[in-house]
Amino acid sequence: MNGSLYQRFAQRYKREEEGGGSMTIKNIMVHLDQGARTAVRLKLAVDLARHHQARLVGVFGQRGQAQQVGLVSSWPSAEYAAAAEASQALFCSAVGDLPSWEWVDINRGSDTEVIRLLVENGRHFDFIILGQHEENFQHLPKDLAEMMILDSGRPVLVVPYAGTFDDVFAHPLVAWNDAREAARALNDALPLIQSAQETVVVRVAWENKVTREEKATLLKHLQAHGITASYEVVTPKSERVQLMDALLNTVSDQGATLLVMGAKGNGNNLFKGQGAGTRYILEHMTVPVLMAH
């Protein structure tokens, strides 16, 4: 290796060591809509951007109908324009003294376009924050969170539609099954959980086949990033308790403030059937969930 190339590698290694050796969060997207829960995730996003000295972009997007006057339709409708204006005002008020921020309106109203444009926007950020689907809120496509997780290529933090979350990253619980998706989610979470008070890795399985070496390898990986963690294996006490229910029960029992887990795609058939998979967690979550695919 020539001297200049070696020097570049050495400088890059030094920067990674100084930053903890993992991805840094410098560009955050938060999804905005006219729902009341927007303020909750916006506060979380502002706090996160301030902590990481990151740029924050609020992206407004929701369903909307074109305005119809006789046979002529026009876009945006007065209702959509009013919602967008209110969103911009809320965002500008919330960002306060953040040094770098921007508000964006995707300016489309159909389910297909809302999902497509939010996903495409999300690919240009380090991290995405959006809300859990709420049945009584009709302004968003039901599968928005799933599509953002599966298609954006970025880690997504989904905030529940109920509750307040002041210290999300204080006590993370990492769902681990040694799969690619779990590894991706864990490593995407590293810069967010390095200052955690307590981190626990949990493997939920019908049988405990985890070796001592497997536990040690994962815990050493976390230690290399300055994270001290424990490793637990949880086996459901009854066949009537499904694996995903056991995971959610463990989140509650541990007092976890965040669930970190990999998301499976449609090809794994985990979006079907109660008690199994990504969609079940998204529907029944009680704490923020960081997912990656």
C-alpha atoms as a PDB file:
ATOM      1  CA  MET A   1       0.000   0.000   0.000  1.00  0.00           C
ATOM      2  CA  ASN A   2       1.493   3.362  -0.959  1.00  0.00           C
ATOM      3  CA  GLY A   3       2.068   6.040   1.664  1.00  0.00           C
ATOM      4  CA  SER A   4      -0.752   8.408   0.711  1.00  0.00           C
ATOM      5  CA  LEU A   5      -3.322   5.606   0.545  1.00  0.00           C
ATOM      6  CA  TYR A   6      -2.166   4.258   3.905  1.00  0.00           C
ATOM      7  CA  GLN A   7      -2.411   7.743   5.368  1.00  0.00           C
ATOM      8  CA  ARG A   8      -6.001   8.102   4.168  1.00  0.00           C
ATOM      9  CA  PHE A   9      -6.927   4.753   5.726  1.00  0.00           C
ATOM     10  CA  ALA A  10      -5.195   5.742   8.980  1.00  0.00           C
ATOM     11  CA  GLN A  11      -7.045   9.070   9.099  1.00  0.00           C
ATOM     12  CA  ARG A  12     -10.356   7.335   8.446  1.00  0.00           C
ATOM     13  CA  TYR A  13      -9.648   4.781  11.197  1.00  0.00           C
ATOM     14  CA  LYS A  14      -8.772   7.574  13.632  1.00  0.00           C
ATOM     15  CA  ARG A  15     -12.047   9.379  12.847  1.00  0.00           C
ATOM     16  CA  GLU A  16     -14.019   6.185  13.394  1.00  0.00           C
ATOM     17  CA  GLU A  17     -12.251   5.543  16.695  1.00  0.00           C
ATOM     18  CA  GLU A  18     -12.952   9.080  17.883  1.00  0.00           C
ATOM     19  CA  GLY A  19     -16.621   8.691  16.910  1.00  0.00           C
ATOM     20  CA  GLY A  20     -17.028   5.317  18.585  1.00  0.00           C
ATOM     21  CA  GLY A  21     -16.372   3.277  15.463  1.00  0.00           C
ATOM     22  CA  SER A  22     -19.948   3.312  14.181  1.00  0.00           C
ATOM     23  CA  MET A  23     -22.127   5.367  11.886  1.00  0.00           C
ATOM     24  CA  THR A  24     -22.775   8.900  13.099  1.00  0.00           C
ATOM     25  CA  ILE A  25     -26.211  10.515  12.952  1.00  0.00           C
ATOM     26  CA  LYS A  26     -25.857  13.785  11.044  1.00  0.00           C
ATOM     27  CA  ASN A  27     -28.949  13.965   8.851  1.00  0.00           C
ATOM     28  CA  ILE A  28     -32.390  13.134  10.284  1.00  0.00           C
ATOM     29  CA  MET A  29     -35.804  13.021   8.620  1.00  0.00           C
ATOM     30  CA  VAL A  30     -39.011  13.263  10.646  1.00  0.00           C
ATOM     31  CA  HIS A  31     -42.373  12.661   9.002  1.00  0.00           C
ATOM     32  CA  LEU A  32     -45.032  15.282   9.638  1.00  0.00           C
ATOM     33  CA  ASP A  33     -48.806  15.224   9.178  1.00  0.00           C
ATOM     34  CA  GLN A  34     -51.797  17.032  10.663  1.00  0.00           C
ATOM     35  CA  GLY A  35     -52.275  14.463  13.445  1.00  0.00           C
ATOM     36  CA  ALA A  36     -51.857  15.345  17.113  1.00  0.00           C
ATOM     37  CA  ARG A  37     -49.002  12.819  17.495  1.00  0.00           C
ATOM     38  CA  THR A  38     -46.799  14.797  15.135  1.00  0.00           C
ATOM     39  CA  ALA A  39     -45.786  17.057  18.030  1.00  0.00           C
ATOM     40  CA  VAL A  40     -44.563  14.045  20.054  1.00  0.00           C
ATOM     41  CA  ARG A  41     -42.248  12.668  17.391  1.00  0.00           C
ATOM     42  CA  LEU A  42     -41.152  16.175  16.382  1.00  0.00           C
ATOM     43  CA  LYS A  43     -39.967  16.861  19.932  1.00  0.00           C
ATOM     44  CA  LEU A  44     -38.091  13.545  19.905  1.00  0.00           C
ATOM     45  CA  ALA A  45     -36.526  14.430  16.543  1.00  0.00           C
ATOM     46  CA  VAL A  46     -35.451  17.896  17.705  1.00  0.00           C
ATOM     47  CA  ASP A  47     -33.891  16.493  20.870  1.00  0.00           C
ATOM     48  CA  LEU A  48     -32.040  13.843  18.847  1.00  0.00           C
ATOM     49  CA  ALA A  49     -30.803  16.376  16.294  1.00  0.00           C
ATOM     50  CA  ARG A  50     -29.576  18.649  19.074  1.00  0.00           C
ATOM     51  CA  HIS A  51     -27.775  15.786  20.846  1.00  0.00           C
ATOM     52  CA  HIS A  52     -26.013  14.640  17.662  1.00  0.00           C
ATOM     53  CA  GLN A  53     -25.587  18.146  16.214  1.00  0.00           C
ATOM     54  CA  ALA A  54     -27.439  16.870  13.161  1.00  0.00           C
ATOM     55  CA  ARG A  55     -29.428  18.471  10.388  1.00  0.00           C
ATOM     56  CA  LEU A  56     -33.182  17.943  10.800  1.00  0.00           C
ATOM     57  CA  VAL A  57     -35.648  17.864   7.915  1.00  0.00           C
ATOM     58  CA  GLY A  58     -39.387  17.744   8.510  1.00  0.00           C
ATOM     59  CA  VAL A  59     -41.190  16.152   5.577  1.00  0.00           C
ATOM     60  CA  PHE A  60     -44.925  16.828   5.405  1.00  0.00           C
ATOM     61  CA  GLY A  61     -46.948  14.192   3.601  1.00  0.00           C
ATOM     62  CA  GLN A  62     -50.478  12.851   3.911  1.00  0.00           C
ATOM     63  CA  ARG A  63     -53.533  11.856   1.928  1.00  0.00           C
ATOM     64  CA  GLY A  64     -55.417  14.605   0.166  1.00  0.00           C
ATOM     65  CA  GLN A  65     -58.128  15.025  -2.442  1.00  0.00           C
ATOM     66  CA  ALA A  66     -57.940  17.455  -5.317  1.00  0.00           C
ATOM     67  CA  GLN A  67     -60.286  20.418  -5.060  1.00  0.00           C
ATOM     68  CA  GLN A  68     -63.246  19.932  -7.367  1.00  0.00           C
ATOM     69  CA  VAL A  69     -65.084  22.890  -8.890  1.00  0.00           C
ATOM     70  CA  GLY A  70     -67.653  21.598 -11.326  1.00  0.00           C
ATOM     71  CA  LEU A  71     -65.743  19.431 -13.797  1.00  0.00           C
ATOM     72  CA  VAL A  72     -62.413  21.073 -13.029  1.00  0.00           C
ATOM     73  CA  SER A  73     -60.091  19.798 -10.317  1.00  0.00           C
ATOM     74  CA  SER A  74     -57.122  21.608  -8.863  1.00  0.00           C
ATOM     75  CA  TRP A  75     -54.321  20.729  -6.486  1.00  0.00           C
ATOM     76  CA  PRO A  76     -53.656  21.314  -3.682  1.00  0.00           C
ATOM     77  CA  SER A  77     -57.056  21.582  -2.078  1.00  0.00           C
ATOM     78  CA  ALA A  78     -57.707  24.296   0.475  1.00  0.00           C
ATOM     79  CA  GLU A  79     -57.784  21.624   3.218  1.00  0.00           C
ATOM     80  CA  TYR A  80     -54.393  20.205   2.236  1.00  0.00           C
ATOM     81  CA  ALA A  81     -52.840  23.659   1.892  1.00  0.00           C
ATOM     82  CA  ALA A  82     -54.100  24.662   5.352  1.00  0.00           C
ATOM     83  CA  ALA A  83     -52.707  21.470   6.903  1.00  0.00           C
ATOM     84  CA  ALA A  84     -49.337  22.013   5.216  1.00  0.00           C
ATOM     85  CA  GLU A  85     -49.182  25.616   6.412  1.00  0.00           C
ATOM     86  CA  ALA A  86     -49.963  24.569   9.987  1.00  0.00           C
ATOM     87  CA  SER A  87     -47.312  21.846   9.788  1.00  0.00           C
ATOM     88  CA  GLN A  88     -44.685  24.313   8.630  1.00  0.00           C
ATOM     89  CA  ALA A  89     -45.536  26.692  11.459  1.00  0.00           C
ATOM     90  CA  LEU A  90     -45.325  23.888  14.050  1.00  0.00           C
ATOM     91  CA  PHE A  91     -41.978  22.689  12.689  1.00  0.00           C
ATOM     92  CA  CYS A  92     -40.409  26.150  12.533  1.00  0.00           C
ATOM     93  CA  SER A  93     -41.511  26.813  16.101  1.00  0.00           C
ATOM     94  CA  ALA A  94     -40.171  23.470  17.368  1.00  0.00           C
ATOM     95  CA  VAL A  95     -36.676  23.556  15.817  1.00  0.00           C
ATOM     96  CA  GLY A  96     -35.687  26.531  17.958  1.00  0.00           C
ATOM     97  CA  ASP A  97     -31.941  27.098  17.840  1.00  0.00           C
ATOM     98  CA  LEU A  98     -31.014  24.068  15.733  1.00  0.00           C
ATOM     99  CA  PRO A  99     -28.259  25.218  13.363  1.00  0.00           C
ATOM    100  CA  SER A 100     -29.460  23.258  10.330  1.00  0.00           C
ATOM    101  CA  TRP A 101     -33.059  22.442   9.468  1.00  0.00           C
ATOM    102  CA  GLU A 102     -35.532  22.417   6.606  1.00  0.00           C
ATOM    103  CA  TRP A 103     -39.254  21.847   6.075  1.00  0.00           C
ATOM    104  CA  VAL A 104     -40.393  19.998   2.939  1.00  0.00           C
ATOM    105  CA  ASP A 105     -43.855  19.344   1.498  1.00  0.00           C
ATOM    106  CA  ILE A 106     -44.103  16.323  -0.824  1.00  0.00           C
ATOM    107  CA  ASN A 107     -47.230  17.987  -2.244  1.00  0.00           C
ATOM    108  CA  ARG A 108     -49.069  14.835  -3.344  1.00  0.00           C
ATOM    109  CA  GLY A 109     -52.221  13.204  -1.998  1.00  0.00           C
ATOM    110  CA  SER A 110     -52.699   9.645  -3.279  1.00  0.00           C
ATOM    111  CA  ASP A 111     -51.587   6.637  -1.213  1.00  0.00           C
ATOM    112  CA  THR A 112     -49.176   5.513  -3.912  1.00  0.00           C
ATOM    113  CA  GLU A 113     -47.539   8.906  -4.278  1.00  0.00           C
ATOM    114  CA  VAL A 114     -47.377   9.590  -0.545  1.00  0.00           C
ATOM    115  CA  ILE A 115     -45.555   6.301   0.067  1.00  0.00           C
ATOM    116  CA  ARG A 116     -43.287   6.630  -2.982  1.00  0.00           C
ATOM    117  CA  LEU A 117     -42.171  10.176  -2.245  1.00  0.00           C
ATOM    118  CA  LEU A 118     -41.652   9.624   1.474  1.00  0.00           C
ATOM    119  CA  VAL A 119     -39.598   6.479   0.772  1.00  0.00           C
ATOM    120  CA  GLU A 120     -37.523   8.255  -1.873  1.00  0.00           C
ATOM    121  CA  ASN A 121     -36.913  11.204   0.438  1.00  0.00           C
ATOM    122  CA  GLY A 122     -35.971   8.846   3.270  1.00  0.00           C
ATOM    123  CA  ARG A 123     -33.130   7.282   1.282  1.00  0.00           C
ATOM    124  CA  HIS A 124     -31.164  10.518   1.581  1.00  0.00           C
ATOM    125  CA  PHE A 125     -30.952  10.524   5.388  1.00  0.00           C
ATOM    126  CA  ASP A 126     -29.081   8.692   8.128  1.00  0.00           C
ATOM    127  CA  PHE A 127     -32.196   8.081  10.166  1.00  0.00           C
ATOM    128  CA  ILE A 128     -35.986   8.331   9.797  1.00  0.00           C
ATOM    129  CA  ILE A 129     -38.610   9.013  12.468  1.00  0.00           C
ATOM    130  CA  LEU A 130     -42.295   8.405  11.852  1.00  0.00           C
ATOM    131  CA  GLY A 131     -45.436   7.361  13.696  1.00  0.00           C
ATOM    132  CA  GLN A 132     -47.245   4.092  14.290  1.00  0.00           C
ATOM    133  CA  HIS A 133     -50.406   3.708  12.222  1.00  0.00           C
ATOM    134  CA  GLU A 134     -53.507   4.852  14.080  1.00  0.00           C
ATOM    135  CA  GLU A 135     -56.808   3.339  12.935  1.00  0.00           C
ATOM    136  CA  ASN A 136     -58.803   6.484  13.740  1.00  0.00           C
ATOM    137  CA  PHE A 137     -56.449   8.693  11.721  1.00  0.00           C
ATOM    138  CA  GLN A 138     -57.442   8.466   8.072  1.00  0.00           C
ATOM    139  CA  HIS A 139     -54.871  10.793   6.532  1.00  0.00           C
ATOM    140  CA  LEU A 140     -52.100   8.210   6.023  1.00  0.00           C
ATOM    141  CA  PRO A 141     -51.791   4.870   4.201  1.00  0.00           C
ATOM    142  CA  LYS A 142     -51.934   1.978   6.655  1.00  0.00           C
ATOM    143  CA  ASP A 143     -48.751   0.378   5.326  1.00  0.00           C
ATOM    144  CA  LEU A 144     -46.615   3.538   5.348  1.00  0.00           C
ATOM    145  CA  ALA A 145     -44.356   2.439   8.212  1.00  0.00           C
ATOM    146  CA  GLU A 146     -43.820  -1.015   6.702  1.00  0.00           C
ATOM    147  CA  MET A 147     -42.911   0.374   3.296  1.00  0.00           C
ATOM    148  CA  MET A 148     -40.528   2.931   4.783  1.00  0.00           C
ATOM    149  CA  ILE A 149     -38.767   0.194   6.747  1.00  0.00           C
ATOM    150  CA  LEU A 150     -38.566  -2.263   3.857  1.00  0.00           C
ATOM    151  CA  ASP A 151     -37.856   0.071   0.939  1.00  0.00           C
ATOM    152  CA  SER A 152     -35.964   3.119   2.215  1.00  0.00           C
ATOM    153  CA  GLY A 153     -32.779   1.240   3.092  1.00  0.00           C
ATOM    154  CA  ARG A 154     -32.469   3.339   6.243  1.00  0.00           C
ATOM    155  CA  PRO A 155     -33.079   2.642   9.955  1.00  0.00           C
ATOM    156  CA  VAL A 156     -36.559   3.772  10.962  1.00  0.00           C
ATOM    157  CA  LEU A 157     -37.741   4.730  14.443  1.00  0.00           C
ATOM    158  CA  VAL A 158     -41.492   4.187  14.782  1.00  0.00           C
ATOM    159  CA  VAL A 159     -43.129   6.137  17.620  1.00  0.00           C
ATOM    160  CA  PRO A 160     -46.302   4.663  19.201  1.00  0.00           C
ATOM    161  CA  TYR A 161     -49.610   6.457  18.773  1.00  0.00           C
ATOM    162  CA  ALA A 162     -50.033   6.685  22.548  1.00  0.00           C
ATOM    163  CA  GLY A 163     -47.726   7.630  25.394  1.00  0.00           C
ATOM    164  CA  THR A 164     -44.882  10.059  26.038  1.00  0.00           C
ATOM    165  CA  PHE A 165     -41.227   9.141  25.533  1.00  0.00           C
ATOM    166  CA  ASP A 166     -38.727  11.491  27.124  1.00  0.00           C
ATOM    167  CA  ASP A 167     -35.632   9.276  27.268  1.00  0.00           C
ATOM    168  CA  VAL A 168     -36.045   6.788  24.435  1.00  0.00           C
ATOM    169  CA  PHE A 169     -32.462   5.527  24.320  1.00  0.00           C
ATOM    170  CA  ALA A 170     -31.885   5.067  28.068  1.00  0.00           C
ATOM    171  CA  HIS A 171     -32.786   1.366  28.249  1.00  0.00           C
ATOM    172  CA  PRO A 172     -32.779  -0.333  24.848  1.00  0.00           C
ATOM    173  CA  LEU A 173     -33.762  -3.957  24.369  1.00  0.00           C
ATOM    174  CA  VAL A 174     -32.212  -5.578  21.296  1.00  0.00           C
ATOM    175  CA  ALA A 175     -34.108  -8.493  19.775  1.00  0.00           C
ATOM    176  CA  TRP A 176     -31.463 -10.870  18.442  1.00  0.00           C
ATOM    177  CA  ASN A 177     -31.737 -14.010  16.328  1.00  0.00           C
ATOM    178  CA  ASP A 178     -28.370 -13.996  14.525  1.00  0.00           C
ATOM    179  CA  ALA A 179     -30.053 -13.088  11.224  1.00  0.00           C
ATOM    180  CA  ARG A 180     -28.908 -10.466   8.718  1.00  0.00           C
ATOM    181  CA  GLU A 181     -31.772  -8.124   9.576  1.00  0.00           C
ATOM    182  CA  ALA A 182     -31.004  -8.306  13.303  1.00  0.00           C
ATOM    183  CA  ALA A 183     -27.339  -7.489  12.656  1.00  0.00           C
ATOM    184  CA  ARG A 184     -28.324  -4.544  10.469  1.00  0.00           C
ATOM    185  CA  ALA A 185     -30.725  -3.147  13.086  1.00  0.00           C
ATOM    186  CA  LEU A 186     -28.232  -3.542  15.935  1.00  0.00           C
ATOM    187  CA  ASN A 187     -25.424  -1.804  14.082  1.00  0.00           C
ATOM    188  CA  ASP A 188     -27.708   0.988  12.880  1.00  0.00           C
ATOM    189  CA  ALA A 189     -28.668   1.537  16.526  1.00  0.00           C
ATOM    190  CA  LEU A 190     -25.090   1.737  17.862  1.00  0.00           C
ATOM    191  CA  PRO A 191     -24.646   5.525  17.705  1.00  0.00           C
ATOM    192  CA  LEU A 192     -28.001   5.947  19.446  1.00  0.00           C
ATOM    193  CA  ILE A 193     -27.451   3.542  22.352  1.00  0.00           C
ATOM    194  CA  GLN A 194     -23.809   4.237  23.203  1.00  0.00           C
ATOM    195  CA  SER A 195     -24.895   6.386  26.145  1.00  0.00           C
ATOM    196  CA  ALA A 196     -27.587   3.982  27.339  1.00  0.00           C
ATOM    197  CA  GLN A 197     -27.895   3.385  31.066  1.00  0.00           C
ATOM    198  CA  GLU A 198     -28.611  -0.306  30.510  1.00  0.00           C
ATOM    199  CA  THR A 199     -28.715  -2.445  27.364  1.00  0.00           C
ATOM    200  CA  VAL A 200     -30.087  -5.959  27.174  1.00  0.00           C
ATOM    201  CA  VAL A 201     -29.942  -8.352  24.247  1.00  0.00           C
ATOM    202  CA  VAL A 202     -32.815 -10.821  24.144  1.00  0.00           C
ATOM    203  CA  ARG A 203     -33.223 -13.926  22.043  1.00  0.00           C
ATOM    204  CA  VAL A 204     -36.791 -15.289  22.041  1.00  0.00           C
ATOM    205  CA  ALA A 205     -36.947 -18.936  20.998  1.00  0.00           C
ATOM    206  CA  TRP A 206     -38.817 -22.127  21.778  1.00  0.00           C
ATOM    207  CA  GLU A 207     -35.546 -23.772  22.812  1.00  0.00           C
ATOM    208  CA  ASN A 208     -32.396 -22.353  24.352  1.00  0.00           C
ATOM    209  CA  LYS A 209     -29.662 -23.405  21.938  1.00  0.00           C
ATOM    210  CA  VAL A 210     -27.478 -20.326  22.347  1.00  0.00           C
ATOM    211  CA  THR A 211     -23.869 -21.223  23.111  1.00  0.00           C
ATOM    212  CA  ARG A 212     -21.623 -19.381  25.538  1.00  0.00           C
ATOM    213  CA  GLU A 213     -19.364 -18.463  22.623  1.00  0.00           C
ATOM    214  CA  GLU A 214     -22.245 -16.921  20.684  1.00  0.00           C
ATOM    215  CA  LYS A 215     -23.185 -14.745  23.638  1.00  0.00           C
ATOM    216  CA  ALA A 216     -19.585 -13.694  24.227  1.00  0.00           C
ATOM    217  CA  THR A 217     -19.029 -12.777  20.570  1.00  0.00           C
ATOM    218  CA  LEU A 218     -22.015 -10.456  20.450  1.00  0.00           C
ATOM    219  CA  LEU A 219     -21.281  -8.837  23.800  1.00  0.00           C
ATOM    220  CA  LYS A 220     -17.651  -8.229  22.783  1.00  0.00           C
ATOM    221  CA  HIS A 221     -18.904  -6.492  19.640  1.00  0.00           C
ATOM    222  CA  LEU A 222     -20.986  -4.146  21.784  1.00  0.00           C
ATOM    223  CA  GLN A 223     -18.103  -3.625  24.214  1.00  0.00           C
ATOM    224  CA  ALA A 224     -15.934  -2.514  21.293  1.00  0.00           C
ATOM    225  CA  HIS A 225     -18.399   0.361  20.892  1.00  0.00           C
ATOM    226  CA  GLY A 226     -18.374   1.223  24.570  1.00  0.00           C
ATOM    227  CA  ILE A 227     -21.667  -0.524  25.326  1.00  0.00           C
ATOM    228  CA  THR A 228     -21.948  -2.868  28.298  1.00  0.00           C
ATOM    229  CA  ALA A 229     -24.864  -5.251  27.794  1.00  0.00           C
ATOM    230  CA  SER A 230     -26.408  -8.428  29.146  1.00  0.00           C
ATOM    231  CA  TYR A 231     -27.707 -11.349  27.071  1.00  0.00           C
ATOM    232  CA  GLU A 232     -30.859 -13.268  27.914  1.00  0.00           C
ATOM    233  CA  VAL A 233     -32.735 -16.106  26.242  1.00  0.00           C
ATOM    234  CA  VAL A 234     -36.512 -16.048  26.682  1.00  0.00           C
ATOM    235  CA  THR A 235     -38.606 -19.135  26.039  1.00  0.00           C
ATOM    236  CA  PRO A 236     -42.407 -18.765  26.059  1.00  0.00           C
ATOM    237  CA  LYS A 237     -43.973 -20.441  29.079  1.00  0.00           C
ATOM    238  CA  SER A 238     -46.864 -21.793  27.037  1.00  0.00           C
ATOM    239  CA  GLU A 239     -47.490 -22.768  23.417  1.00  0.00           C
ATOM    240  CA  ARG A 240     -50.380 -20.317  23.509  1.00  0.00           C
ATOM    241  CA  VAL A 241     -47.878 -17.476  23.910  1.00  0.00           C
ATOM    242  CA  GLN A 242     -46.395 -16.699  20.511  1.00  0.00           C
ATOM    243  CA  LEU A 243     -42.819 -15.535  20.042  1.00  0.00           C
ATOM    244  CA  MET A 244     -43.733 -11.921  19.251  1.00  0.00           C
ATOM    245  CA  ASP A 245     -46.004 -11.743  22.287  1.00  0.00           C
ATOM    246  CA  ALA A 246     -43.173 -13.118  24.414  1.00  0.00           C
ATOM    247  CA  LEU A 247     -40.886 -10.407  23.029  1.00  0.00           C
ATOM    248  CA  LEU A 248     -43.391  -7.648  23.823  1.00  0.00           C
ATOM    249  CA  ASN A 249     -43.918  -9.088  27.306  1.00  0.00           C
ATOM    250  CA  THR A 250     -40.152  -9.004  27.853  1.00  0.00           C
ATOM    251  CA  VAL A 251     -40.001  -5.373  26.742  1.00  0.00           C
ATOM    252  CA  SER A 252     -42.574  -4.573  29.409  1.00  0.00           C
ATOM    253  CA  ASP A 253     -40.986  -6.745  32.111  1.00  0.00           C
ATOM    254  CA  GLN A 254     -37.558  -5.208  31.523  1.00  0.00           C
ATOM    255  CA  GLY A 255     -38.899  -1.659  31.581  1.00  0.00           C
ATOM    256  CA  ALA A 256     -37.258  -1.103  28.198  1.00  0.00           C
ATOM    257  CA  THR A 257     -37.616   2.334  26.610  1.00  0.00           C
ATOM    258  CA  LEU A 258     -36.740   1.159  23.088  1.00  0.00           C
ATOM    259  CA  LEU A 259     -37.016  -2.057  21.072  1.00  0.00           C
ATOM    260  CA  VAL A 260     -34.357  -2.647  18.401  1.00  0.00           C
ATOM    261  CA  MET A 261     -35.089  -5.384  15.871  1.00  0.00           C
ATOM    262  CA  GLY A 262     -34.652  -6.459  12.295  1.00  0.00           C
ATOM    263  CA  ALA A 263     -37.601  -6.346   9.906  1.00  0.00           C
ATOM    264  CA  LYS A 264     -38.432  -9.214   7.607  1.00  0.00           C
ATOM    265  CA  GLY A 265     -39.835  -8.694   4.113  1.00  0.00           C
ATOM    266  CA  ASN A 266     -42.844 -10.199   2.383  1.00  0.00           C
ATOM    267  CA  GLY A 267     -40.776 -13.039   1.017  1.00  0.00           C
ATOM    268  CA  ASN A 268     -40.395 -14.414   4.533  1.00  0.00           C
ATOM    269  CA  ASN A 269     -44.184 -14.499   4.951  1.00  0.00           C
ATOM    270  CA  LEU A 270     -43.882 -12.779   8.322  1.00  0.00           C
ATOM    271  CA  PHE A 271     -46.504 -10.154   7.469  1.00  0.00           C
ATOM    272  CA  LYS A 272     -49.232 -12.771   7.809  1.00  0.00           C
ATOM    273  CA  GLY A 273     -50.648 -14.502  10.850  1.00  0.00           C
ATOM    274  CA  GLN A 274     -51.126 -13.245  14.375  1.00  0.00           C
ATOM    275  CA  GLY A 275     -48.193 -13.679  16.697  1.00  0.00           C
ATOM    276  CA  ALA A 276     -45.448 -13.648  14.091  1.00  0.00           C
ATOM    277  CA  GLY A 277     -43.466 -10.942  12.423  1.00  0.00           C
ATOM    278  CA  THR A 278     -42.827  -7.348  11.726  1.00  0.00           C
ATOM    279  CA  ARG A 279     -46.407  -6.211  11.243  1.00  0.00           C
ATOM    280  CA  TYR A 280     -47.498  -7.731  14.542  1.00  0.00           C
ATOM    281  CA  ILE A 281     -44.880  -5.718  16.401  1.00  0.00           C
ATOM    282  CA  LEU A 282     -45.835  -2.553  14.522  1.00  0.00           C
ATOM    283  CA  GLU A 283     -49.482  -3.051  15.457  1.00  0.00           C
ATOM    284  CA  HIS A 284     -48.922  -3.887  19.136  1.00  0.00           C
ATOM    285  CA  MET A 285     -45.835  -1.868  20.109  1.00  0.00           C
ATOM    286  CA  THR A 286     -45.952   0.114  23.359  1.00  0.00           C
ATOM    287  CA  VAL A 287     -42.481   1.693  23.192  1.00  0.00           C
ATOM    288  CA  PRO A 288     -40.640   3.209  20.214  1.00  0.00           C
ATOM    289  CA  VAL A 289     -39.265   0.541  17.866  1.00  0.00           C
ATOM    290  CA  LEU A 290     -36.132   0.953  15.774  1.00  0.00           C
ATOM    291  CA  MET A 291     -36.312  -1.347  12.767  1.00  0.00           C
ATOM    292  CA  ALA A 292     -33.988  -1.949   9.843  1.00  0.00           C
ATOM    293  CA  HIS A 293     -34.191  -4.240   6.851  1.00  0.00           C
END
